[in-house]
Amino acid sequence: MSDGSLLEIVLLAAVAAFFIFKLRSVLGKRTGHEKRDFDPFNQSSRENESEEEKVIQLPDRGKGPRINQDELLEQTEAEQMAAEKTPSGEDDPLAAGVTQIRLADRDFDPSQFASGARAAFEMIIAAFAAGDTKTLRPLLANDVYGDFSGAIKEREANKETLETTLIGITSADLIEAEMQQKTAFVTVKFVSEQVNVTRDAEGLIVDGNPNEVSTITDIWTFARNTRSRDPNWALVATRSPN
């Protein structure tokens, strides 16, 4: 190899080394615009996440399983009925009895029952005084009807008349409630103000005072077969407070 060729090779190598050095010096610099690698353990890396990346998408609730509202109501109906309009007290026999009735008859409402009992009380008192057995018949159970109709017949036999004026019902409170097989029994304590006068055939007063208002307490028990389509309750027993 000649001296000229050797010199040429040395010069080319020097030029190549120079360009490699310049290229490395440029590629090795950071300009501040380079994308940094994300380090999940580096707090500064987390702070550089965008707000969009920090949002957790919730599942689409519209695509979840549908809840059958009827089934849900059936599952909780017993608890709801036991809680609504029921006397308070877990150990209260009245509350337990009302709950039993409501489980057998979902339409039973103590408040509405009390209102209906008031109306029945007024109707029965008036019909008994008038001797109206036709009105009494559907309102009374057989035994009670027998007692009432027997008293009416005795009064008629004595040619007596009964005048009853119901001034008002002071209270009508549920005091007992229970289920016996399919039959519901509810006992109501009525406190009322009345004027009762019995007259003979001559119109003379044989009992009572037309100018005296008496406070009378009656305890009546009503019953209904919860499996029956007939929504009416019948009076099955009457008594006075002990």
Protein backbone atom coordinates (compact mmCIF):
# COMPACT_ATOMS: atom_id res chain seq x y z
CA MET A 1 0.00 0.00 0.00
CA SER A 2 1.32 3.43 -0.97
CA ASP A 3 1.80 6.32 1.41
CA GLY A 4 -0.95 8.27 -0.42
CA SER A 5 -3.53 5.53 0.08
CA LEU A 6 -2.68 5.19 3.76
CA LEU A 7 -3.05 8.92 4.28
CA GLU A 8 -6.44 8.90 2.56
CA ILE A 9 -7.72 6.14 4.86
CA VAL A 10 -6.55 8.00 7.94
CA LEU A 11 -8.29 11.19 6.83
CA LEU A 12 -11.59 9.36 6.12
CA ALA A 13 -11.47 7.71 9.53
CA ALA A 14 -10.89 11.04 11.20
CA VAL A 15 -13.86 12.61 9.37
CA ALA A 16 -16.13 9.68 10.32
CA ALA A 17 -15.12 9.94 13.97
CA PHE A 18 -15.86 13.64 13.96
CA PHE A 19 -19.41 13.16 12.59
CA ILE A 20 -20.15 10.33 15.07
CA PHE A 21 -19.07 12.54 17.95
CA LYS A 22 -21.29 15.44 16.77
CA LEU A 23 -24.29 13.09 16.27
CA ARG A 24 -23.98 11.62 19.77
CA SER A 25 -23.69 15.04 21.34
CA VAL A 26 -26.98 16.08 19.73
CA LEU A 27 -28.95 12.85 20.46
CA GLY A 28 -27.82 12.75 24.06
CA LYS A 29 -29.33 16.14 25.03
CA ARG A 30 -32.79 16.60 26.74
CA THR A 31 -34.78 19.58 25.52
CA GLY A 32 -37.52 19.40 28.18
CA HIS A 33 -40.15 18.21 25.68
CA GLU A 34 -39.35 14.53 25.90
CA LYS A 35 -42.18 12.19 27.18
CA ARG A 36 -41.28 10.86 30.63
CA ASP A 37 -41.85 7.22 31.48
CA PHE A 38 -44.76 6.73 33.95
CA ASP A 39 -43.69 5.41 37.33
CA PRO A 40 -46.69 4.23 39.44
CA PHE A 41 -44.65 4.60 42.62
CA ASN A 42 -43.53 8.14 41.79
CA GLN A 43 -45.96 10.78 43.11
CA SER A 44 -44.74 13.36 40.60
CA SER A 45 -45.63 10.97 37.78
CA ARG A 46 -49.18 10.63 39.13
CA GLU A 47 -49.59 14.39 39.30
CA ASN A 48 -48.82 14.65 35.59
CA GLU A 49 -51.82 12.44 34.67
CA SER A 50 -54.61 14.25 32.88
CA GLU A 51 -57.97 14.78 34.58
CA GLU A 52 -59.58 12.44 32.04
CA GLU A 53 -57.23 9.64 33.06
CA LYS A 54 -58.20 10.09 36.70
CA VAL A 55 -61.97 9.54 36.06
CA ILE A 56 -63.25 6.07 36.89
CA GLN A 57 -66.13 5.11 34.63
CA LEU A 58 -69.04 3.61 36.58
CA PRO A 59 -70.86 0.59 35.15
CA ASP A 60 -73.93 1.36 33.06
CA ARG A 61 -76.77 0.90 35.53
CA GLY A 62 -79.23 0.56 32.69
CA LYS A 63 -77.56 -2.66 31.60
CA GLY A 64 -77.72 -4.32 35.01
CA PRO A 65 -80.31 -6.88 36.06
CA ARG A 66 -83.84 -5.48 36.37
CA ILE A 67 -85.52 -5.72 39.78
CA ASN A 68 -89.01 -7.15 39.70
CA GLN A 69 -90.93 -4.60 41.75
CA ASP A 70 -93.87 -6.95 42.33
CA GLU A 71 -91.59 -9.60 43.81
CA LEU A 72 -89.89 -7.00 45.98
CA LEU A 73 -93.25 -5.80 47.28
CA GLU A 74 -94.36 -9.34 48.01
CA GLN A 75 -91.18 -10.01 49.96
CA THR A 76 -91.59 -6.94 52.14
CA GLU A 77 -95.35 -6.71 52.29
CA ALA A 78 -95.64 -8.55 55.58
CA GLU A 79 -93.12 -6.23 57.26
CA GLN A 80 -94.79 -3.13 55.83
CA MET A 81 -98.25 -4.20 56.89
CA ALA A 82 -97.03 -5.01 60.37
CA ALA A 83 -95.41 -1.59 60.71
CA GLU A 84 -98.13 0.69 59.28
CA LYS A 85 -100.93 1.87 61.55
CA THR A 86 -100.31 -0.86 64.08
CA PRO A 87 -100.28 -0.32 67.84
CA SER A 88 -96.72 0.09 69.08
CA GLY A 89 -94.89 -2.33 71.34
CA GLU A 90 -93.23 -5.55 70.33
CA ASP A 91 -94.75 -7.43 73.29
CA ASP A 92 -98.21 -5.88 72.95
CA PRO A 93 -100.83 -8.66 72.42
CA LEU A 94 -103.02 -6.21 70.51
CA ALA A 95 -100.20 -5.34 68.14
CA ALA A 96 -99.44 -9.03 67.61
CA GLY A 97 -103.10 -9.77 66.92
CA VAL A 98 -103.43 -6.90 64.45
CA THR A 99 -100.32 -8.15 62.67
CA GLN A 100 -101.81 -11.63 62.37
CA ILE A 101 -104.99 -10.23 60.88
CA ARG A 102 -103.12 -8.04 58.42
CA LEU A 103 -101.10 -11.00 57.24
CA ALA A 104 -104.34 -12.87 56.55
CA ASP A 105 -106.18 -9.86 55.13
CA ARG A 106 -104.00 -7.27 53.42
CA ASP A 107 -106.91 -4.81 53.25
CA PHE A 108 -107.38 -4.68 57.02
CA ASP A 109 -106.71 -1.22 58.38
CA PRO A 110 -107.19 -0.60 62.12
CA SER A 111 -108.14 3.05 61.60
CA GLN A 112 -110.71 2.28 58.93
CA PHE A 113 -112.03 -0.60 61.00
CA ALA A 114 -112.55 1.70 63.99
CA SER A 115 -114.51 4.12 61.79
CA GLY A 116 -116.65 1.29 60.45
CA ALA A 117 -117.23 -0.03 63.96
CA ARG A 118 -118.51 3.40 65.02
CA ALA A 119 -121.01 3.39 62.16
CA ALA A 120 -122.10 -0.16 62.99
CA PHE A 121 -122.53 0.77 66.66
CA GLU A 122 -124.82 3.68 65.80
CA MET A 123 -126.84 1.56 63.36
CA ILE A 124 -127.27 -1.36 65.77
CA ILE A 125 -128.25 0.86 68.71
CA ALA A 126 -130.87 2.65 66.60
CA ALA A 127 -132.23 -0.57 65.06
CA PHE A 128 -132.50 -2.29 68.44
CA ALA A 129 -134.42 0.64 69.92
CA ALA A 130 -136.78 0.69 66.92
CA GLY A 131 -137.24 -3.09 66.96
CA ASP A 132 -135.92 -3.26 63.37
CA THR A 133 -134.84 -6.89 63.11
CA LYS A 134 -134.37 -6.67 59.32
CA THR A 135 -131.57 -4.15 59.78
CA LEU A 136 -130.06 -6.12 62.65
CA ARG A 137 -130.01 -9.49 60.90
CA PRO A 138 -127.00 -8.94 58.54
CA LEU A 139 -125.04 -7.07 61.22
CA LEU A 140 -125.21 -9.70 63.95
CA ALA A 141 -123.98 -13.27 64.31
CA ASN A 142 -126.65 -15.88 65.02
CA ASP A 143 -126.20 -15.99 68.81
CA VAL A 144 -126.15 -12.23 69.20
CA TYR A 145 -129.09 -11.84 66.86
CA GLY A 146 -130.99 -14.33 69.00
CA ASP A 147 -130.32 -12.25 72.11
CA PHE A 148 -131.28 -8.96 70.48
CA SER A 149 -134.40 -10.28 68.77
CA GLY A 150 -135.41 -12.03 72.01
CA ALA A 151 -135.18 -8.74 73.92
CA ILE A 152 -137.22 -7.01 71.23
CA LYS A 153 -139.93 -9.69 71.39
CA GLU A 154 -140.07 -9.43 75.18
CA ARG A 155 -140.43 -5.67 74.94
CA GLU A 156 -143.22 -6.03 72.41
CA ALA A 157 -144.94 -8.62 74.57
CA ASN A 158 -144.92 -6.13 77.45
CA LYS A 159 -146.17 -3.42 75.07
CA GLU A 160 -143.17 -1.30 75.90
CA THR A 161 -141.15 0.98 73.70
CA LEU A 162 -137.53 1.98 73.97
CA GLU A 163 -136.41 5.48 73.12
CA THR A 164 -132.66 5.81 72.63
CA THR A 165 -130.89 9.03 71.74
CA LEU A 166 -127.21 8.62 70.97
CA ILE A 167 -125.65 11.93 71.89
CA GLY A 168 -122.23 10.90 70.65
CA ILE A 169 -119.48 8.31 70.75
CA THR A 170 -116.69 9.52 72.99
CA SER A 171 -114.26 6.83 71.94
CA ALA A 172 -114.03 3.59 69.99
CA ASP A 173 -110.74 1.85 70.75
CA LEU A 174 -109.45 -1.52 69.62
CA ILE A 175 -108.54 -3.48 72.74
CA GLU A 176 -108.19 -7.04 71.44
CA ALA A 177 -107.37 -8.69 68.13
CA GLU A 178 -106.64 -12.26 67.14
CA MET A 179 -106.87 -14.88 64.42
CA GLN A 180 -108.61 -18.20 65.02
CA GLN A 181 -107.90 -20.35 61.99
CA LYS A 182 -109.45 -18.35 59.10
CA THR A 183 -111.53 -16.02 61.24
CA ALA A 184 -110.38 -12.63 62.49
CA PHE A 185 -111.74 -11.29 65.79
CA VAL A 186 -111.48 -7.65 66.82
CA THR A 187 -112.85 -6.29 70.09
CA VAL A 188 -113.74 -2.62 70.43
CA LYS A 189 -114.43 -0.65 73.57
CA PHE A 190 -117.12 1.96 72.96
CA VAL A 191 -117.72 4.83 75.33
CA SER A 192 -120.82 6.77 74.40
CA GLU A 193 -123.28 9.28 75.79
CA GLN A 194 -126.90 8.21 75.54
CA VAL A 195 -130.36 9.01 76.74
CA ASN A 196 -132.48 5.86 77.19
CA VAL A 197 -136.12 5.86 78.17
CA THR A 198 -138.52 2.90 78.29
CA ARG A 199 -142.25 3.63 78.17
CA ASP A 200 -145.24 1.41 78.67
CA ALA A 201 -148.36 1.18 76.54
CA GLU A 202 -149.71 4.30 78.21
CA GLY A 203 -146.60 6.26 77.38
CA LEU A 204 -145.53 6.40 80.97
CA ILE A 205 -141.85 6.11 81.79
CA VAL A 206 -140.99 2.79 83.38
CA ASP A 207 -137.21 3.16 83.13
CA GLY A 208 -134.75 5.95 82.43
CA ASN A 209 -134.87 9.71 82.48
CA PRO A 210 -135.32 11.80 79.32
CA ASN A 211 -133.36 14.63 80.93
CA GLU A 212 -130.39 12.53 81.98
CA VAL A 213 -127.40 11.80 79.76
CA SER A 214 -125.65 8.59 80.73
CA THR A 215 -122.11 7.60 79.89
CA ILE A 216 -122.21 3.97 78.83
CA THR A 217 -119.31 1.62 78.12
CA ASP A 218 -119.89 -1.32 75.77
CA ILE A 219 -117.37 -3.93 74.70
CA TRP A 220 -118.24 -5.51 71.37
CA THR A 221 -116.41 -8.18 69.42
CA PHE A 222 -116.64 -8.33 65.64
CA ALA A 223 -115.58 -11.25 63.45
CA ARG A 224 -114.99 -11.95 59.78
CA ASN A 225 -113.87 -14.95 57.74
CA THR A 226 -110.78 -13.63 55.96
CA ARG A 227 -111.25 -16.15 53.14
CA SER A 228 -114.73 -14.86 52.40
CA ARG A 229 -115.45 -12.39 49.61
CA ASP A 230 -117.89 -10.63 51.90
CA PRO A 231 -116.00 -7.66 53.37
CA ASN A 232 -118.53 -7.09 56.17
CA TRP A 233 -117.87 -7.86 59.82
CA ALA A 234 -120.53 -9.27 62.15
CA LEU A 235 -121.05 -8.56 65.83
CA VAL A 236 -120.40 -11.88 67.60
CA ALA A 237 -120.29 -10.90 71.28
CA THR A 238 -121.22 -8.07 73.62
CA ARG A 239 -120.27 -7.49 77.24
CA SER A 240 -119.89 -4.83 79.84
CA PRO A 241 -116.54 -3.93 81.43
CA ASN A 242 -115.63 -6.02 84.47
